[in-house]
Amino acid sequence: MKKLLIGAMLVGASLYASDIKGVIQSINNAKKTITVNGSTIAVMPYTKIEQESCGMGWDSDKKFADLKKGDLVEVDLMNGGQGLVAESIDIQCMKNRAY
């Protein structure tokens, strides 16, 4: 029984803990959400936001106001109970764009 319960917990955890990588399609400043790959993601006061350094030193800390439509981001998600919640957002370096 104990093994079955632990297995179910691990399967459940994998359904909620993941990440999304894509371009910010829209930003809702009033609700503090971003949309990436069609998924609306809540950005909380504790969400860690960083900008990659693009090989120029250390990554830099950013705020919700620094996010822009068109930014390439990698978002680590956690279960917020009522939808997707960003644990961290990494703004990716776009210096080597394909077009």
PDB file of N, CA and C in Angstrom:
ATOM      1  N   MET A   1       0.817  -1.187   0.000  1.00  0.00           N
ATOM      2  CA  MET A   1       0.000   0.000   0.000  1.00  0.00           C
ATOM      3  C   MET A   1       0.865   1.257   0.000  1.00  0.00           C
ATOM      4  N   LYS A   2       1.935   1.229   0.807  1.00  0.00           N
ATOM      5  CA  LYS A   2       2.808   2.384   0.897  1.00  0.00           C
ATOM      6  C   LYS A   2       3.464   2.676  -0.452  1.00  0.00           C
ATOM      7  N   LYS A   3       3.925   1.636  -1.172  1.00  0.00           N
ATOM      8  CA  LYS A   3       4.547   1.813  -2.485  1.00  0.00           C
ATOM      9  C   LYS A   3       3.546   2.377  -3.485  1.00  0.00           C
ATOM     10  N   LEU A   4       2.311   1.912  -3.429  1.00  0.00           N
ATOM     11  CA  LEU A   4       1.273   2.395  -4.329  1.00  0.00           C
ATOM     12  C   LEU A   4       1.008   3.876  -4.096  1.00  0.00           C
ATOM     13  N   LEU A   5       0.937   4.286  -2.857  1.00  0.00           N
ATOM     14  CA  LEU A   5       0.702   5.692  -2.517  1.00  0.00           C
ATOM     15  C   LEU A   5       1.855   6.573  -2.979  1.00  0.00           C
ATOM     16  N   ILE A   6       3.081   6.157  -2.767  1.00  0.00           N
ATOM     17  CA  ILE A   6       4.250   6.926  -3.201  1.00  0.00           C
ATOM     18  C   ILE A   6       4.275   7.024  -4.715  1.00  0.00           C
ATOM     19  N   GLY A   7       3.983   5.928  -5.411  1.00  0.00           N
ATOM     20  CA  GLY A   7       3.933   5.943  -6.869  1.00  0.00           C
ATOM     21  C   GLY A   7       2.882   6.917  -7.382  1.00  0.00           C
ATOM     22  N   ALA A   8       1.720   6.934  -6.772  1.00  0.00           N
ATOM     23  CA  ALA A   8       0.655   7.863  -7.178  1.00  0.00           C
ATOM     24  C   ALA A   8       1.075   9.304  -6.937  1.00  0.00           C
ATOM     25  N   MET A   9       1.780   9.554  -5.842  1.00  0.00           N
ATOM     26  CA  MET A   9       2.253  10.911  -5.554  1.00  0.00           C
ATOM     27  C   MET A   9       3.261  11.347  -6.605  1.00  0.00           C
ATOM     28  N   LEU A  10       4.156  10.460  -7.027  1.00  0.00           N
ATOM     29  CA  LEU A  10       5.151  10.805  -8.036  1.00  0.00           C
ATOM     30  C   LEU A  10       4.502  11.071  -9.384  1.00  0.00           C
ATOM     31  N   VAL A  11       3.527  10.281  -9.754  1.00  0.00           N
ATOM     32  CA  VAL A  11       2.818  10.508 -11.012  1.00  0.00           C
ATOM     33  C   VAL A  11       2.095  11.842 -10.953  1.00  0.00           C
ATOM     34  N   GLY A  12       1.426  12.128  -9.845  1.00  0.00           N
ATOM     35  CA  GLY A  12       0.727  13.404  -9.685  1.00  0.00           C
ATOM     36  C   GLY A  12       1.676  14.580  -9.742  1.00  0.00           C
ATOM     37  N   ALA A  13       2.845  14.447  -9.148  1.00  0.00           N
ATOM     38  CA  ALA A  13       3.822  15.540  -9.159  1.00  0.00           C
ATOM     39  C   ALA A  13       4.284  15.836 -10.568  1.00  0.00           C
ATOM     40  N   SER A  14       4.446  14.798 -11.375  1.00  0.00           N
ATOM     41  CA  SER A  14       4.929  15.025 -12.731  1.00  0.00           C
ATOM     42  C   SER A  14       3.885  15.736 -13.587  1.00  0.00           C
ATOM     43  N   LEU A  15       2.614  15.664 -13.221  1.00  0.00           N
ATOM     44  CA  LEU A  15       1.572  16.354 -13.975  1.00  0.00           C
ATOM     45  C   LEU A  15       1.615  17.860 -13.754  1.00  0.00           C
ATOM     46  N   TYR A  16       2.138  18.290 -12.628  1.00  0.00           N
ATOM     47  CA  TYR A  16       2.086  19.700 -12.283  1.00  0.00           C
ATOM     48  C   TYR A  16       3.425  20.420 -12.354  1.00  0.00           C
ATOM     49  N   ALA A  17       4.521  19.725 -12.157  1.00  0.00           N
ATOM     50  CA  ALA A  17       5.838  20.360 -12.174  1.00  0.00           C
ATOM     51  C   ALA A  17       6.458  20.160 -13.553  1.00  0.00           C
ATOM     52  N   SER A  18       6.616  21.231 -14.281  1.00  0.00           N
ATOM     53  CA  SER A  18       7.197  21.138 -15.617  1.00  0.00           C
ATOM     54  C   SER A  18       7.709  22.511 -16.023  1.00  0.00           C
ATOM     55  N   ASP A  19       8.023  22.650 -17.280  1.00  0.00           N
ATOM     56  CA  ASP A  19       8.425  23.965 -17.752  1.00  0.00           C
ATOM     57  C   ASP A  19       7.908  24.176 -19.168  1.00  0.00           C
ATOM     58  N   ILE A  20       7.850  25.428 -19.544  1.00  0.00           N
ATOM     59  CA  ILE A  20       7.421  25.841 -20.871  1.00  0.00           C
ATOM     60  C   ILE A  20       8.503  26.743 -21.430  1.00  0.00           C
ATOM     61  N   LYS A  21       8.865  26.524 -22.683  1.00  0.00           N
ATOM     62  CA  LYS A  21       9.815  27.403 -23.351  1.00  0.00           C
ATOM     63  C   LYS A  21       9.129  27.941 -24.598  1.00  0.00           C
ATOM     64  N   GLY A  22       9.147  29.255 -24.762  1.00  0.00           N
ATOM     65  CA  GLY A  22       8.514  29.865 -25.918  1.00  0.00           C
ATOM     66  C   GLY A  22       8.584  31.372 -25.847  1.00  0.00           C
ATOM     67  N   VAL A  23       7.852  32.007 -26.746  1.00  0.00           N
ATOM     68  CA  VAL A  23       7.835  33.463 -26.852  1.00  0.00           C
ATOM     69  C   VAL A  23       6.614  34.005 -26.111  1.00  0.00           C
ATOM     70  N   ILE A  24       6.804  35.087 -25.370  1.00  0.00           N
ATOM     71  CA  ILE A  24       5.674  35.734 -24.698  1.00  0.00           C
ATOM     72  C   ILE A  24       4.753  36.311 -25.773  1.00  0.00           C
ATOM     73  N   GLN A  25       3.510  35.809 -25.798  1.00  0.00           N
ATOM     74  CA  GLN A  25       2.532  36.259 -26.783  1.00  0.00           C
ATOM     75  C   GLN A  25       1.745  37.467 -26.294  1.00  0.00           C
ATOM     76  N   SER A  26       1.496  37.519 -24.983  1.00  0.00           N
ATOM     77  CA  SER A  26       0.783  38.658 -24.412  1.00  0.00           C
ATOM     78  C   SER A  26       1.094  38.766 -22.926  1.00  0.00           C
ATOM     79  N   ILE A  27       0.862  39.970 -22.408  1.00  0.00           N
ATOM     80  CA  ILE A  27       1.086  40.262 -20.989  1.00  0.00           C
ATOM     81  C   ILE A  27      -0.146  40.985 -20.467  1.00  0.00           C
ATOM     82  N   ASN A  28      -0.669  40.522 -19.334  1.00  0.00           N
ATOM     83  CA  ASN A  28      -1.792  41.190 -18.685  1.00  0.00           C
ATOM     84  C   ASN A  28      -1.261  41.815 -17.400  1.00  0.00           C
ATOM     85  N   ASN A  29      -1.032  43.120 -17.440  1.00  0.00           N
ATOM     86  CA  ASN A  29      -0.454  43.817 -16.279  1.00  0.00           C
ATOM     87  C   ASN A  29      -1.400  43.829 -15.086  1.00  0.00           C
ATOM     88  N   ALA A  30      -2.700  43.932 -15.331  1.00  0.00           N
ATOM     89  CA  ALA A  30      -3.662  43.987 -14.233  1.00  0.00           C
ATOM     90  C   ALA A  30      -3.721  42.668 -13.463  1.00  0.00           C
ATOM     91  N   LYS A  31      -3.708  41.550 -14.195  1.00  0.00           N
ATOM     92  CA  LYS A  31      -3.794  40.237 -13.558  1.00  0.00           C
ATOM     93  C   LYS A  31      -2.428  39.624 -13.261  1.00  0.00           C
ATOM     94  N   LYS A  32      -1.357  40.265 -13.721  1.00  0.00           N
ATOM     95  CA  LYS A  32       0.023  39.761 -13.556  1.00  0.00           C
ATOM     96  C   LYS A  32       0.149  38.353 -14.143  1.00  0.00           C
ATOM     97  N   THR A  33      -0.231  38.248 -15.432  1.00  0.00           N
ATOM     98  CA  THR A  33      -0.089  36.986 -16.150  1.00  0.00           C
ATOM     99  C   THR A  33       0.631  37.220 -17.472  1.00  0.00           C
ATOM    100  N   ILE A  34       1.250  36.158 -17.960  1.00  0.00           N
ATOM    101  CA  ILE A  34       1.830  36.159 -19.301  1.00  0.00           C
ATOM    102  C   ILE A  34       1.250  34.961 -20.048  1.00  0.00           C
ATOM    103  N   THR A  35       1.218  35.055 -21.375  1.00  0.00           N
ATOM    104  CA  THR A  35       0.772  33.939 -22.195  1.00  0.00           C
ATOM    105  C   THR A  35       1.944  33.479 -23.046  1.00  0.00           C
ATOM    106  N   VAL A  36       2.282  32.185 -22.916  1.00  0.00           N
ATOM    107  CA  VAL A  36       3.373  31.561 -23.659  1.00  0.00           C
ATOM    108  C   VAL A  36       2.825  30.273 -24.271  1.00  0.00           C
ATOM    109  N   ASN A  37       2.989  30.107 -25.573  1.00  0.00           N
ATOM    110  CA  ASN A  37       2.500  28.912 -26.282  1.00  0.00           C
ATOM    111  C   ASN A  37       1.022  28.657 -26.017  1.00  0.00           C
ATOM    112  N   GLY A  38       0.239  29.726 -25.884  1.00  0.00           N
ATOM    113  CA  GLY A  38      -1.195  29.596 -25.664  1.00  0.00           C
ATOM    114  C   GLY A  38      -1.599  29.325 -24.230  1.00  0.00           C
ATOM    115  N   SER A  39      -0.628  29.195 -23.322  1.00  0.00           N
ATOM    116  CA  SER A  39      -0.915  28.937 -21.909  1.00  0.00           C
ATOM    117  C   SER A  39      -0.785  30.221 -21.102  1.00  0.00           C
ATOM    118  N   THR A  40      -1.810  30.534 -20.319  1.00  0.00           N
ATOM    119  CA  THR A  40      -1.759  31.700 -19.444  1.00  0.00           C
ATOM    120  C   THR A  40      -1.121  31.289 -18.127  1.00  0.00           C
ATOM    121  N   ILE A  41      -0.096  32.039 -17.734  1.00  0.00           N
ATOM    122  CA  ILE A  41       0.720  31.697 -16.563  1.00  0.00           C
ATOM    123  C   ILE A  41       0.701  32.868 -15.590  1.00  0.00           C
ATOM    124  N   ALA A  42       0.340  32.588 -14.331  1.00  0.00           N
ATOM    125  CA  ALA A  42       0.340  33.615 -13.288  1.00  0.00           C
ATOM    126  C   ALA A  42       1.771  33.875 -12.824  1.00  0.00           C
ATOM    127  N   VAL A  43       2.102  35.143 -12.662  1.00  0.00           N
ATOM    128  CA  VAL A  43       3.408  35.555 -12.136  1.00  0.00           C
ATOM    129  C   VAL A  43       3.161  36.125 -10.746  1.00  0.00           C
ATOM    130  N   MET A  44       3.725  35.479  -9.747  1.00  0.00           N
ATOM    131  CA  MET A  44       3.494  35.845  -8.354  1.00  0.00           C
ATOM    132  C   MET A  44       4.596  36.775  -7.846  1.00  0.00           C
ATOM    133  N   PRO A  45       4.378  37.441  -6.718  1.00  0.00           N
ATOM    134  CA  PRO A  45       5.425  38.308  -6.167  1.00  0.00           C
ATOM    135  C   PRO A  45       6.730  37.565  -5.871  1.00  0.00           C
ATOM    136  N   TYR A  46       6.653  36.267  -5.597  1.00  0.00           N
ATOM    137  CA  TYR A  46       7.849  35.475  -5.283  1.00  0.00           C
ATOM    138  C   TYR A  46       8.479  34.820  -6.510  1.00  0.00           C
ATOM    139  N   THR A  47       7.892  35.003  -7.702  1.00  0.00           N
ATOM    140  CA  THR A  47       8.459  34.418  -8.917  1.00  0.00           C
ATOM    141  C   THR A  47       9.819  35.050  -9.195  1.00  0.00           C
ATOM    142  N   LYS A  48      10.819  34.221  -9.402  1.00  0.00           N
ATOM    143  CA  LYS A  48      12.173  34.703  -9.697  1.00  0.00           C
ATOM    144  C   LYS A  48      12.275  34.942 -11.201  1.00  0.00           C
ATOM    145  N   ILE A  49      12.647  36.160 -11.596  1.00  0.00           N
ATOM    146  CA  ILE A  49      12.793  36.505 -13.004  1.00  0.00           C
ATOM    147  C   ILE A  49      14.238  36.918 -13.244  1.00  0.00           C
ATOM    148  N   GLU A  50      14.881  36.263 -14.228  1.00  0.00           N
ATOM    149  CA  GLU A  50      16.273  36.564 -14.565  1.00  0.00           C
ATOM    150  C   GLU A  50      16.432  36.734 -16.067  1.00  0.00           C
ATOM    151  N   GLN A  51      17.365  37.603 -16.448  1.00  0.00           N
ATOM    152  CA  GLN A  51      17.751  37.805 -17.845  1.00  0.00           C
ATOM    153  C   GLN A  51      19.099  37.141 -18.044  1.00  0.00           C
ATOM    154  N   GLU A  52      19.205  36.252 -19.054  1.00  0.00           N
ATOM    155  CA  GLU A  52      20.499  35.630 -19.357  1.00  0.00           C
ATOM    156  C   GLU A  52      21.498  36.704 -19.762  1.00  0.00           C
ATOM    157  N   SER A  53      22.749  36.473 -19.444  1.00  0.00           N
ATOM    158  CA  SER A  53      23.790  37.463 -19.722  1.00  0.00           C
ATOM    159  C   SER A  53      24.279  37.435 -21.163  1.00  0.00           C
ATOM    160  N   CYS A  54      23.947  36.410 -21.928  1.00  0.00           N
ATOM    161  CA  CYS A  54      24.408  36.243 -23.314  1.00  0.00           C
ATOM    162  C   CYS A  54      25.926  36.214 -23.395  1.00  0.00           C
ATOM    163  N   GLY A  55      26.568  35.603 -22.386  1.00  0.00           N
ATOM    164  CA  GLY A  55      28.013  35.478 -22.386  1.00  0.00           C
ATOM    165  C   GLY A  55      28.750  36.728 -21.946  1.00  0.00           C
ATOM    166  N   MET A  56      28.037  37.696 -21.389  1.00  0.00           N
ATOM    167  CA  MET A  56      28.647  38.975 -21.014  1.00  0.00           C
ATOM    168  C   MET A  56      28.746  39.148 -19.504  1.00  0.00           C
ATOM    169  N   GLY A  57      28.858  38.080 -18.741  1.00  0.00           N
ATOM    170  CA  GLY A  57      28.962  38.198 -17.288  1.00  0.00           C
ATOM    171  C   GLY A  57      27.869  37.402 -16.605  1.00  0.00           C
ATOM    172  N   TRP A  58      27.316  37.971 -15.524  1.00  0.00           N
ATOM    173  CA  TRP A  58      26.310  37.286 -14.720  1.00  0.00           C
ATOM    174  C   TRP A  58      24.912  37.567 -15.246  1.00  0.00           C
ATOM    175  N   ASP A  59      24.000  36.605 -15.024  1.00  0.00           N
ATOM    176  CA  ASP A  59      22.588  36.845 -15.299  1.00  0.00           C
ATOM    177  C   ASP A  59      22.119  37.970 -14.376  1.00  0.00           C
ATOM    178  N   SER A  60      21.114  38.736 -14.824  1.00  0.00           N
ATOM    179  CA  SER A  60      20.645  39.852 -13.998  1.00  0.00           C
ATOM    180  C   SER A  60      19.193  39.639 -13.579  1.00  0.00           C
ATOM    181  N   ASP A  61      18.904  40.060 -12.351  1.00  0.00           N
ATOM    182  CA  ASP A  61      17.550  39.969 -11.813  1.00  0.00           C
ATOM    183  C   ASP A  61      16.653  40.983 -12.505  1.00  0.00           C
ATOM    184  N   LYS A  62      15.422  40.578 -12.785  1.00  0.00           N
ATOM    185  CA  LYS A  62      14.449  41.446 -13.436  1.00  0.00           C
ATOM    186  C   LYS A  62      13.136  41.413 -12.671  1.00  0.00           C
ATOM    187  N   LYS A  63      12.205  42.282 -13.066  1.00  0.00           N
ATOM    188  CA  LYS A  63      10.883  42.368 -12.457  1.00  0.00           C
ATOM    189  C   LYS A  63       9.826  42.108 -13.522  1.00  0.00           C
ATOM    190  N   PHE A  64       8.578  41.942 -13.097  1.00  0.00           N
ATOM    191  CA  PHE A  64       7.482  41.704 -14.025  1.00  0.00           C
ATOM    192  C   PHE A  64       7.425  42.799 -15.088  1.00  0.00           C
ATOM    193  N   ALA A  65       7.649  44.035 -14.701  1.00  0.00           N
ATOM    194  CA  ALA A  65       7.593  45.169 -15.640  1.00  0.00           C
ATOM    195  C   ALA A  65       8.652  45.067 -16.739  1.00  0.00           C
ATOM    196  N   ASP A  66       9.708  44.282 -16.527  1.00  0.00           N
ATOM    197  CA  ASP A  66      10.766  44.129 -17.532  1.00  0.00           C
ATOM    198  C   ASP A  66      10.406  43.127 -18.622  1.00  0.00           C
ATOM    199  N   LEU A  67       9.382  42.306 -18.399  1.00  0.00           N
ATOM    200  CA  LEU A  67       8.968  41.333 -19.407  1.00  0.00           C
ATOM    201  C   LEU A  67       8.320  42.058 -20.582  1.00  0.00           C
ATOM    202  N   LYS A  68       8.606  41.581 -21.806  1.00  0.00           N
ATOM    203  CA  LYS A  68       8.067  42.218 -23.010  1.00  0.00           C
ATOM    204  C   LYS A  68       7.486  41.164 -23.943  1.00  0.00           C
ATOM    205  N   LYS A  69       6.436  41.547 -24.631  1.00  0.00           N
ATOM    206  CA  LYS A  69       5.874  40.690 -25.663  1.00  0.00           C
ATOM    207  C   LYS A  69       6.981  40.417 -26.681  1.00  0.00           C
ATOM    208  N   GLY A  70       7.165  39.155 -27.062  1.00  0.00           N
ATOM    209  CA  GLY A  70       8.221  38.780 -27.995  1.00  0.00           C
ATOM    210  C   GLY A  70       9.463  38.228 -27.329  1.00  0.00           C
ATOM    211  N   ASP A  71       9.592  38.377 -25.990  1.00  0.00           N
ATOM    212  CA  ASP A  71      10.728  37.796 -25.276  1.00  0.00           C
ATOM    213  C   ASP A  71      10.660  36.271 -25.346  1.00  0.00           C
ATOM    214  N   LEU A  72      11.811  35.636 -25.598  1.00  0.00           N
ATOM    215  CA  LEU A  72      11.912  34.186 -25.515  1.00  0.00           C
ATOM    216  C   LEU A  72      12.193  33.844 -24.057  1.00  0.00           C
ATOM    217  N   VAL A  73      11.328  33.015 -23.469  1.00  0.00           N
ATOM    218  CA  VAL A  73      11.454  32.703 -22.048  1.00  0.00           C
ATOM    219  C   VAL A  73      11.388  31.209 -21.810  1.00  0.00           C
ATOM    220  N   GLU A  74      11.991  30.793 -20.715  1.00  0.00           N
ATOM    221  CA  GLU A  74      11.816  29.445 -20.190  1.00  0.00           C
ATOM    222  C   GLU A  74      11.191  29.610 -18.816  1.00  0.00           C
ATOM    223  N   VAL A  75      10.012  29.022 -18.627  1.00  0.00           N
ATOM    224  CA  VAL A  75       9.248  29.201 -17.399  1.00  0.00           C
ATOM    225  C   VAL A  75       9.174  27.869 -16.665  1.00  0.00           C
ATOM    226  N   ASP A  76       9.670  27.855 -15.424  1.00  0.00           N
ATOM    227  CA  ASP A  76       9.512  26.689 -14.556  1.00  0.00           C
ATOM    228  C   ASP A  76       8.185  26.855 -13.835  1.00  0.00           C
ATOM    229  N   LEU A  77       7.327  25.851 -13.935  1.00  0.00           N
ATOM    230  CA  LEU A  77       5.976  25.933 -13.404  1.00  0.00           C
ATOM    231  C   LEU A  77       5.826  25.135 -12.122  1.00  0.00           C
ATOM    232  N   MET A  78       4.832  25.535 -11.330  1.00  0.00           N
ATOM    233  CA  MET A  78       4.429  24.762 -10.164  1.00  0.00           C
ATOM    234  C   MET A  78       2.915  24.775 -10.114  1.00  0.00           C
ATOM    235  N   ASN A  79       2.348  23.863  -9.378  1.00  0.00           N
ATOM    236  CA  ASN A  79       0.903  23.766  -9.268  1.00  0.00           C
ATOM    237  C   ASN A  79       0.398  24.856  -8.340  1.00  0.00           C
ATOM    238  N   GLY A  80      -0.437  25.734  -8.880  1.00  0.00           N
ATOM    239  CA  GLY A  80      -1.004  26.798  -8.070  1.00  0.00           C
ATOM    240  C   GLY A  80      -2.396  26.484  -7.594  1.00  0.00           C
ATOM    241  N   GLY A  81      -2.915  25.289  -7.900  1.00  0.00           N
ATOM    242  CA  GLY A  81      -4.240  24.916  -7.469  1.00  0.00           C
ATOM    243  C   GLY A  81      -5.330  25.433  -8.397  1.00  0.00           C
ATOM    244  N   GLN A  82      -5.112  26.589  -9.019  1.00  0.00           N
ATOM    245  CA  GLN A  82      -6.122  27.160  -9.905  1.00  0.00           C
ATOM    246  C   GLN A  82      -5.542  27.487 -11.271  1.00  0.00           C
ATOM    247  N   GLY A  83      -4.489  26.817 -11.651  1.00  0.00           N
ATOM    248  CA  GLY A  83      -3.887  27.059 -12.959  1.00  0.00           C
ATOM    249  C   GLY A  83      -2.375  27.068 -12.878  1.00  0.00           C
ATOM    250  N   LEU A  84      -1.754  27.494 -13.962  1.00  0.00           N
ATOM    251  CA  LEU A  84      -0.300  27.502 -14.048  1.00  0.00           C
ATOM    252  C   LEU A  84       0.270  28.704 -13.312  1.00  0.00           C
ATOM    253  N   VAL A  85       1.298  28.463 -12.517  1.00  0.00           N
ATOM    254  CA  VAL A  85       1.978  29.511 -11.749  1.00  0.00           C
ATOM    255  C   VAL A  85       3.471  29.400 -12.027  1.00  0.00           C
ATOM    256  N   ALA A  86       4.105  30.536 -12.321  1.00  0.00           N
ATOM    257  CA  ALA A  86       5.540  30.556 -12.597  1.00  0.00           C
ATOM    258  C   ALA A  86       6.332  30.558 -11.298  1.00  0.00           C
ATOM    259  N   GLU A  87       7.198  29.564 -11.164  1.00  0.00           N
ATOM    260  CA  GLU A  87       8.152  29.555 -10.051  1.00  0.00           C
ATOM    261  C   GLU A  87       9.342  30.428 -10.417  1.00  0.00           C
ATOM    262  N   SER A  88       9.794  30.303 -11.681  1.00  0.00           N
ATOM    263  CA  SER A  88      10.873  31.154 -12.175  1.00  0.00           C
ATOM    264  C   SER A  88      10.688  31.377 -13.670  1.00  0.00           C
ATOM    265  N   ILE A  89      11.196  32.524 -14.125  1.00  0.00           N
ATOM    266  CA  ILE A  89      11.161  32.871 -15.541  1.00  0.00           C
ATOM    267  C   ILE A  89      12.561  33.293 -15.935  1.00  0.00           C
ATOM    268  N   ASP A  90      13.117  32.620 -16.950  1.00  0.00           N
ATOM    269  CA  ASP A  90      14.429  32.981 -17.477  1.00  0.00           C
ATOM    270  C   ASP A  90      14.231  33.588 -18.857  1.00  0.00           C
ATOM    271  N   ILE A  91      14.581  34.844 -19.003  1.00  0.00           N
ATOM    272  CA  ILE A  91      14.524  35.507 -20.302  1.00  0.00           C
ATOM    273  C   ILE A  91      15.773  35.071 -21.057  1.00  0.00           C
ATOM    274  N   GLN A  92      15.569  34.368 -22.165  1.00  0.00           N
ATOM    275  CA  GLN A  92      16.667  33.767 -22.907  1.00  0.00           C
ATOM    276  C   GLN A  92      17.378  34.785 -23.801  1.00  0.00           C
ATOM    277  N   CYS A  93      18.643  34.524 -24.032  1.00  0.00           N
ATOM    278  CA  CYS A  93      19.447  35.331 -24.929  1.00  0.00           C
ATOM    279  C   CYS A  93      18.977  35.078 -26.355  1.00  0.00           C
ATOM    280  N   MET A  94      18.772  36.140 -27.115  1.00  0.00           N
ATOM    281  CA  MET A  94      18.301  35.979 -28.492  1.00  0.00           C
ATOM    282  C   MET A  94      19.299  36.564 -29.477  1.00  0.00           C
ATOM    283  N   LYS A  95      20.577  36.540 -29.124  1.00  0.00           N
ATOM    284  CA  LYS A  95      21.564  37.159 -29.993  1.00  0.00           C
ATOM    285  C   LYS A  95      21.834  36.349 -31.257  1.00  0.00           C
ATOM    286  N   ASN A  96      21.577  35.047 -31.226  1.00  0.00           N
ATOM    287  CA  ASN A  96      21.805  34.194 -32.401  1.00  0.00           C
ATOM    288  C   ASN A  96      20.470  33.748 -33.004  1.00  0.00           C
ATOM    289  N   ARG A  97      19.628  34.679 -33.358  1.00  0.00           N
ATOM    290  CA  ARG A  97      18.310  34.364 -33.889  1.00  0.00           C
ATOM    291  C   ARG A  97      18.420  33.809 -35.313  1.00  0.00           C
ATOM    292  N   ALA A  98      17.510  32.916 -35.646  1.00  0.00           N
ATOM    293  CA  ALA A  98      17.484  32.325 -36.985  1.00  0.00           C
ATOM    294  C   ALA A  98      16.989  33.319 -38.021  1.00  0.00           C
ATOM    295  N   TYR A  99      16.164  34.257 -37.629  1.00  0.00           N
ATOM    296  CA  TYR A  99      15.651  35.293 -38.556  1.00  0.00           C
ATOM    297  C   TYR A  99      15.208  36.501 -37.775  1.00  0.00           C
TER     298      TYR A  99
END
